[in-house]
């Protein structure tokens, strides 16, 4: 995958939310969105 630079649109992706529902980036197209995650949550790292 190519590296994103500031101003590049994010590629579409889907992830489970805290309730295990699948959420897609496309679901929020045209709206402001803040994605916050913990890269080491629930890992041994």
C-alpha atoms as a PDB file:
ATOM      1  CA  UNK A   1       0.000   0.000   0.000  1.00  0.00           C
ATOM      2  CA  UNK A   2       1.276   3.467  -0.844  1.00  0.00           C
ATOM      3  CA  UNK A   3       2.122   5.815   1.991  1.00  0.00           C
ATOM      4  CA  UNK A   4      -0.454   8.543   2.610  1.00  0.00           C
ATOM      5  CA  UNK A   5       0.670  12.126   2.671  1.00  0.00           C
ATOM      6  CA  UNK A   6      -1.106  15.061   4.334  1.00  0.00           C
ATOM      7  CA  UNK A   7      -4.094  16.007   2.218  1.00  0.00           C
ATOM      8  CA  UNK A   8      -4.424  12.593   0.545  1.00  0.00           C
ATOM      9  CA  UNK A   9      -7.861  10.993   0.833  1.00  0.00           C
ATOM     10  CA  UNK A  10      -7.903   7.913   3.032  1.00  0.00           C
ATOM     11  CA  UNK A  11      -8.569   4.599   1.303  1.00  0.00           C
ATOM     12  CA  UNK A  12     -11.883   2.999   2.162  1.00  0.00           C
ATOM     13  CA  UNK A  13     -11.663   0.536   5.042  1.00  0.00           C
ATOM     14  CA  UNK A  14     -13.943  -1.253   7.483  1.00  0.00           C
ATOM     15  CA  UNK A  15     -13.402  -2.054  11.151  1.00  0.00           C
ATOM     16  CA  UNK A  16     -15.486  -3.396  14.032  1.00  0.00           C
ATOM     17  CA  UNK A  17     -16.670  -0.832  16.559  1.00  0.00           C
ATOM     18  CA  UNK A  18     -16.898  -1.349  20.320  1.00  0.00           C
ATOM     19  CA  UNK A  19     -20.142  -3.317  19.803  1.00  0.00           C
ATOM     20  CA  UNK A  20     -18.655  -5.561  17.067  1.00  0.00           C
ATOM     21  CA  UNK A  21     -20.690  -3.788  14.348  1.00  0.00           C
ATOM     22  CA  UNK A  22     -18.805  -3.240  11.103  1.00  0.00           C
ATOM     23  CA  UNK A  23     -18.250   0.435  10.340  1.00  0.00           C
ATOM     24  CA  UNK A  24     -16.959   1.592   6.943  1.00  0.00           C
ATOM     25  CA  UNK A  25     -15.216   4.845   6.168  1.00  0.00           C
ATOM     26  CA  UNK A  26     -17.646   5.264   3.260  1.00  0.00           C
ATOM     27  CA  UNK A  27     -20.497   5.423   5.826  1.00  0.00           C
ATOM     28  CA  UNK A  28     -19.136   8.840   6.841  1.00  0.00           C
ATOM     29  CA  UNK A  29     -18.303  10.240   3.398  1.00  0.00           C
ATOM     30  CA  UNK A  30     -18.947  13.995   3.325  1.00  0.00           C
ATOM     31  CA  UNK A  31     -18.918  14.291   7.126  1.00  0.00           C
ATOM     32  CA  UNK A  32     -16.136  15.150   9.545  1.00  0.00           C
ATOM     33  CA  UNK A  33     -14.693  12.091  11.220  1.00  0.00           C
ATOM     34  CA  UNK A  34     -12.111  11.574  13.931  1.00  0.00           C
ATOM     35  CA  UNK A  35     -10.567   8.120  14.111  1.00  0.00           C
ATOM     36  CA  UNK A  36      -8.916   7.367  17.443  1.00  0.00           C
ATOM     37  CA  UNK A  37      -7.339   4.048  18.239  1.00  0.00           C
ATOM     38  CA  UNK A  38      -4.910   2.404  20.637  1.00  0.00           C
ATOM     39  CA  UNK A  39      -2.326   0.506  18.585  1.00  0.00           C
ATOM     40  CA  UNK A  40      -1.156  -1.593  21.532  1.00  0.00           C
ATOM     41  CA  UNK A  41      -4.506  -2.171  23.241  1.00  0.00           C
ATOM     42  CA  UNK A  42      -5.144  -5.809  24.105  1.00  0.00           C
ATOM     43  CA  UNK A  43      -1.671  -6.862  22.968  1.00  0.00           C
ATOM     44  CA  UNK A  44       1.445  -7.995  24.754  1.00  0.00           C
ATOM     45  CA  UNK A  45       3.356  -4.973  23.331  1.00  0.00           C
END
